Amino acid sequence: MPAIRPTAVAGSFYPGEPALLAAEVSTYLAAAAVANGARPPKAIIAPHAGYVYSGPIAASIYARLAPLRGHVRRVVLVGPAHRVFVRGAAVPAAHAFETPLGTIELDAEAIGALRALPFVEQSDRAHALEHSLEVHLPFLQSTLGEFRLVPVVVGDATPDEAAQLLDAVWGGDETLVVVSSDLSHYLPYEAARRRDRGTVDAILGLDARLVPEEACGAAPINGLLRTARRRGLGVELVDLRNSGDTAGDRDRVVGYASFAFSEAGGA
């Protein structure tokens, strides 16, 4: 039987019971306003905290994926390593990832292409407890339906390495790129707002010099920004809030933002 990576944070970061999870994700998506004329993105940045904190901000970008259902057949999901040190990036040996909403098959061919890069290792350990990828999966399942997954945990990869990684699996209209990142961590509310605004301005300017203090997913974001600049993608801020706006106090907050990257002349 193929190896399946089981859920690690179901029941803590999000509901572990399938019906409750589906209902919660549906509620977040229904509450997300999609601007008239908004184009479905080629790539997105979305947060990865517990749903009570970052779910509304994640839903603001995932709601834009509805027109891509049945068209996107592969999702490249890239997030930072929180639990295990990773030099460069790591892909799993598992053949599938499991969530309460079902099992997602991995794209073995794409993962093989990444393994050919000298800074990409194979490590189920790096993926076993990593929440930065897992929390996105129920949103992706709810909006896209069936797709194959390319999960990548990124450690201290350089911007050039992260960009090479994305280029290797960029694909065409059948592929969506998702970069997982929160913004500032544990600053007072107003200080967090100021720092996060600066980070947002850097992302909107495609300035690939973010550091982990600005975004925990700085490494994959920098790779996406370099790729977006080279490929002529436009970027739009969709939502910017923090845990003080959603479910936490304002003494020590975590920042969240969502962005859409679209190809010029795209649908």
Protein backbone atom coordinates (compact mmCIF):
# COMPACT_ATOMS: atom_id res chain seq x y z
CA MET A 1 0.00 0.00 0.00
CA PRO A 2 1.28 3.52 -0.73
CA ALA A 3 2.54 5.47 2.26
CA ILE A 4 0.04 8.11 3.38
CA ARG A 5 1.02 11.10 5.48
CA PRO A 6 -1.74 11.34 8.13
CA THR A 7 -3.11 14.57 9.54
CA ALA A 8 -1.03 16.12 12.30
CA VAL A 9 -3.04 19.18 13.39
CA ALA A 10 -6.66 18.18 12.70
CA GLY A 11 -8.60 18.80 15.89
CA SER A 12 -6.28 21.63 16.95
CA PHE A 13 -5.61 24.03 14.07
CA TYR A 14 -8.92 23.11 12.45
CA PRO A 15 -11.84 20.73 13.15
CA GLY A 16 -11.01 17.04 12.93
CA GLU A 17 -14.56 15.89 12.22
CA PRO A 18 -15.26 15.93 8.45
CA ALA A 19 -18.73 17.49 8.57
CA LEU A 20 -17.68 20.21 10.99
CA LEU A 21 -14.57 20.96 8.95
CA ALA A 22 -16.48 21.17 5.67
CA ALA A 23 -19.06 23.46 7.25
CA GLU A 24 -16.44 25.74 8.78
CA VAL A 25 -14.49 26.10 5.55
CA SER A 26 -17.73 26.71 3.64
CA THR A 27 -18.69 29.45 6.11
CA TYR A 28 -15.34 31.20 5.73
CA LEU A 29 -15.52 31.01 1.93
CA ALA A 30 -19.11 32.27 1.83
CA ALA A 31 -18.14 35.29 3.92
CA ALA A 32 -15.23 36.21 1.65
CA ALA A 33 -16.00 38.99 -0.79
CA VAL A 34 -14.59 38.54 -4.30
CA ALA A 35 -14.18 41.78 -6.24
CA ASN A 36 -15.97 42.04 -9.57
CA GLY A 37 -13.61 41.25 -12.40
CA ALA A 38 -11.03 39.60 -10.13
CA ARG A 39 -8.96 37.19 -12.20
CA PRO A 40 -8.26 33.68 -10.92
CA PRO A 41 -4.62 33.65 -9.83
CA LYS A 42 -1.67 31.62 -11.04
CA ALA A 43 -0.07 31.81 -7.59
CA ILE A 44 -1.17 32.89 -4.13
CA ILE A 45 0.25 33.65 -0.71
CA ALA A 46 -1.98 32.66 2.21
CA PRO A 47 -1.53 32.29 6.00
CA HIS A 48 -1.28 29.06 7.97
CA ALA A 49 -2.37 29.65 11.56
CA GLY A 50 -5.31 28.03 13.31
CA TYR A 51 -8.51 28.75 11.44
CA VAL A 52 -9.99 30.82 14.27
CA TYR A 53 -7.11 33.26 13.77
CA SER A 54 -6.26 33.20 10.06
CA GLY A 55 -9.18 31.36 8.45
CA PRO A 56 -10.96 34.51 7.22
CA ILE A 57 -7.77 35.87 5.64
CA ALA A 58 -7.02 32.54 3.95
CA ALA A 59 -10.62 32.32 2.70
CA SER A 60 -10.33 35.76 1.10
CA ILE A 61 -7.90 34.35 -1.47
CA TYR A 62 -9.25 30.80 -1.65
CA ALA A 63 -12.67 32.15 -2.63
CA ARG A 64 -11.00 33.38 -5.84
CA LEU A 65 -10.16 29.82 -6.84
CA ALA A 66 -13.78 28.81 -7.50
CA PRO A 67 -13.51 29.40 -11.29
CA LEU A 68 -10.45 27.11 -11.38
CA ARG A 69 -12.32 24.03 -10.18
CA GLY A 70 -11.95 21.33 -12.83
CA HIS A 71 -9.14 23.27 -14.53
CA VAL A 72 -6.35 23.17 -11.96
CA ARG A 73 -5.13 19.59 -11.73
CA ARG A 74 -1.93 20.15 -9.76
CA VAL A 75 -1.14 22.30 -6.71
CA VAL A 76 2.42 23.15 -5.75
CA LEU A 77 2.22 23.91 -2.03
CA VAL A 78 5.33 25.44 -0.48
CA GLY A 79 5.73 26.45 3.16
CA PRO A 80 8.38 27.05 5.81
CA ALA A 81 9.84 24.40 8.08
CA HIS A 82 8.77 24.86 11.71
CA ARG A 83 9.66 21.52 13.31
CA VAL A 84 12.73 20.10 11.55
CA PHE A 85 15.83 21.85 10.25
CA VAL A 86 15.91 21.70 6.46
CA ARG A 87 18.87 22.82 4.39
CA GLY A 88 17.29 23.96 1.17
CA ALA A 89 13.96 22.17 0.73
CA ALA A 90 12.38 18.79 1.40
CA VAL A 91 9.78 16.70 -0.39
CA PRO A 92 8.12 13.62 1.12
CA ALA A 93 8.53 9.96 0.25
CA ALA A 94 4.82 9.47 0.97
CA HIS A 95 2.48 8.90 -1.97
CA ALA A 96 -0.52 10.78 -0.53
CA PHE A 97 -1.57 13.26 2.17
CA GLU A 98 -4.66 12.70 4.26
CA THR A 99 -7.12 15.23 5.71
CA PRO A 100 -10.54 14.73 7.32
CA LEU A 101 -12.01 15.58 3.89
CA GLY A 102 -10.19 12.77 2.10
CA THR A 103 -6.87 11.64 0.65
CA ILE A 104 -4.88 13.71 -1.86
CA GLU A 105 -2.58 11.90 -4.28
CA LEU A 106 0.90 13.35 -4.69
CA ASP A 107 2.37 14.13 -8.12
CA ALA A 108 5.29 11.69 -8.26
CA GLU A 109 6.64 13.04 -11.55
CA ALA A 110 6.82 16.62 -10.28
CA ILE A 111 8.34 15.50 -7.00
CA GLY A 112 10.94 13.57 -8.98
CA ALA A 113 11.80 16.73 -10.90
CA LEU A 114 12.36 18.55 -7.61
CA ARG A 115 14.51 15.73 -6.24
CA ALA A 116 16.86 16.32 -9.17
CA LEU A 117 17.72 19.75 -7.74
CA PRO A 118 20.87 19.58 -5.59
CA PHE A 119 19.32 21.43 -2.63
CA VAL A 120 16.14 19.30 -2.39
CA GLU A 121 16.14 16.28 -0.09
CA GLN A 122 13.54 13.58 0.54
CA SER A 123 12.31 13.63 4.13
CA ASP A 124 9.03 12.36 5.54
CA ARG A 125 10.27 13.60 8.92
CA ALA A 126 10.26 17.20 7.69
CA HIS A 127 6.61 16.79 6.67
CA ALA A 128 5.25 14.63 9.49
CA LEU A 129 4.30 17.39 11.94
CA GLU A 130 4.45 20.41 9.64
CA HIS A 131 1.30 22.53 9.86
CA SER A 132 2.30 25.19 7.32
CA LEU A 133 1.20 22.92 4.47
CA GLU A 134 -1.55 20.88 6.12
CA VAL A 135 -3.85 23.75 7.06
CA HIS A 136 -4.22 24.74 3.40
CA LEU A 137 -5.41 21.35 2.24
CA PRO A 138 -9.07 21.55 3.37
CA PHE A 139 -9.41 24.93 1.64
CA LEU A 140 -7.88 23.49 -1.53
CA GLN A 141 -10.11 20.41 -1.40
CA SER A 142 -13.19 22.54 -0.87
CA THR A 143 -12.47 24.97 -3.70
CA LEU A 144 -10.70 22.83 -6.34
CA GLY A 145 -12.06 19.32 -5.77
CA GLU A 146 -9.69 16.75 -7.29
CA PHE A 147 -6.03 17.63 -7.82
CA ARG A 148 -2.56 16.17 -7.35
CA LEU A 149 -0.33 17.74 -4.72
CA VAL A 150 3.35 18.74 -4.76
CA PRO A 151 4.17 19.51 -1.10
CA VAL A 152 7.48 21.21 -0.33
CA VAL A 153 8.90 22.29 3.02
CA VAL A 154 11.50 25.03 2.66
CA GLY A 155 14.25 25.73 5.17
CA ASP A 156 17.16 28.10 4.57
CA ALA A 157 16.94 28.07 0.79
CA THR A 158 18.25 31.16 -0.94
CA PRO A 159 15.93 33.26 -3.11
CA ASP A 160 17.61 31.80 -6.22
CA GLU A 161 17.11 28.24 -4.95
CA ALA A 162 13.46 28.87 -4.08
CA ALA A 163 12.91 30.39 -7.52
CA GLN A 164 14.58 27.37 -9.20
CA LEU A 165 12.29 25.10 -7.22
CA LEU A 166 9.17 26.91 -8.41
CA ASP A 167 10.39 27.08 -12.00
CA ALA A 168 10.88 23.30 -12.05
CA VAL A 169 7.17 22.69 -11.40
CA TRP A 170 5.60 25.95 -12.60
CA GLY A 171 3.62 24.28 -15.38
CA GLY A 172 0.77 25.99 -17.19
CA ASP A 173 -2.87 26.72 -16.45
CA GLU A 174 -3.23 23.27 -14.90
CA THR A 175 -0.89 24.21 -12.02
CA LEU A 176 -1.58 26.51 -9.07
CA VAL A 177 1.28 27.65 -6.82
CA VAL A 178 0.48 28.24 -3.14
CA VAL A 179 3.05 29.82 -0.82
CA SER A 180 2.24 29.52 2.87
CA SER A 181 3.30 32.27 5.27
CA ASP A 182 2.24 34.32 8.25
CA LEU A 183 3.76 37.77 8.76
CA SER A 184 5.09 39.37 11.97
CA HIS A 185 4.95 37.42 15.24
CA TYR A 186 4.09 38.57 18.77
CA LEU A 187 4.41 42.33 18.41
CA PRO A 188 1.90 44.74 19.96
CA TYR A 189 -1.01 45.47 17.63
CA GLU A 190 0.09 48.84 16.21
CA ALA A 191 3.75 47.80 15.88
CA ALA A 192 2.63 44.69 14.01
CA ARG A 193 0.49 46.74 11.67
CA ARG A 194 3.44 48.98 10.81
CA ARG A 195 5.83 46.09 10.23
CA ASP A 196 3.29 44.13 8.20
CA ARG A 197 2.54 47.16 6.03
CA GLY A 198 6.22 47.39 5.17
CA THR A 199 6.29 43.68 4.33
CA VAL A 200 3.21 44.07 2.13
CA ASP A 201 4.83 46.98 0.29
CA ALA A 202 7.92 44.84 -0.36
CA ILE A 203 5.80 42.00 -1.75
CA LEU A 204 3.79 44.38 -3.94
CA GLY A 205 7.11 45.75 -5.21
CA LEU A 206 8.38 42.20 -5.91
CA ASP A 207 11.32 42.96 -3.63
CA ALA A 208 12.76 39.53 -2.82
CA ARG A 209 14.67 40.50 0.31
CA LEU A 210 12.26 39.46 3.05
CA VAL A 211 13.64 38.05 6.30
CA PRO A 212 11.95 35.64 8.74
CA GLU A 213 11.14 38.45 11.20
CA GLU A 214 8.88 39.91 8.50
CA ALA A 215 7.35 36.64 7.28
CA CYS A 216 7.98 33.11 8.53
CA GLY A 217 7.70 31.97 4.91
CA ALA A 218 10.25 34.54 3.75
CA ALA A 219 12.34 32.00 1.82
CA PRO A 220 9.54 30.66 -0.43
CA ILE A 221 8.03 34.13 -0.78
CA ASN A 222 11.36 35.49 -2.01
CA GLY A 223 11.48 32.70 -4.57
CA LEU A 224 7.96 33.50 -5.74
CA LEU A 225 8.76 37.21 -6.00
CA ARG A 226 11.80 36.51 -8.18
CA THR A 227 9.78 34.17 -10.36
CA ALA A 228 6.89 36.62 -10.61
CA ARG A 229 9.19 39.45 -11.66
CA ARG A 230 10.89 37.33 -14.32
CA ARG A 231 7.61 35.98 -15.67
CA GLY A 232 5.84 39.34 -15.67
CA LEU A 233 3.17 38.48 -13.11
CA GLY A 234 1.17 41.18 -11.38
CA VAL A 235 0.52 40.99 -7.64
CA GLU A 236 -2.48 42.20 -5.65
CA LEU A 237 -3.02 42.43 -1.90
CA VAL A 238 -6.33 40.72 -1.14
CA ASP A 239 -6.48 40.90 2.66
CA LEU A 240 -4.31 42.16 5.54
CA ARG A 241 -5.20 41.62 9.18
CA ASN A 242 -3.77 40.11 12.34
CA SER A 243 -4.88 37.94 15.22
CA GLY A 244 -5.95 41.06 17.12
CA ASP A 245 -8.57 41.61 14.40
CA THR A 246 -9.88 38.05 14.44
CA ALA A 247 -9.71 36.05 17.67
CA GLY A 248 -6.83 37.16 19.90
CA ASP A 249 -5.87 40.01 22.20
CA ARG A 250 -3.85 42.95 20.94
CA ASP A 251 -0.84 42.71 23.23
CA ARG A 252 1.01 40.08 21.16
CA VAL A 253 -0.39 39.47 17.68
CA VAL A 254 0.50 37.51 14.55
CA GLY A 255 0.09 39.13 11.16
CA TYR A 256 -1.68 37.55 8.19
CA ALA A 257 -2.06 38.57 4.55
CA SER A 258 -3.23 37.05 1.30
CA PHE A 259 -2.02 37.92 -2.17
CA ALA A 260 -2.97 37.00 -5.73
CA PHE A 261 -0.38 36.71 -8.53
CA SER A 262 -1.83 36.77 -12.04
CA GLU A 263 -0.28 36.42 -15.45
CA ALA A 264 -0.73 39.34 -17.81
CA GLY A 265 -3.62 38.67 -20.14
CA GLY A 266 -4.67 35.64 -18.09
CA ALA A 267 -8.23 34.57 -17.47
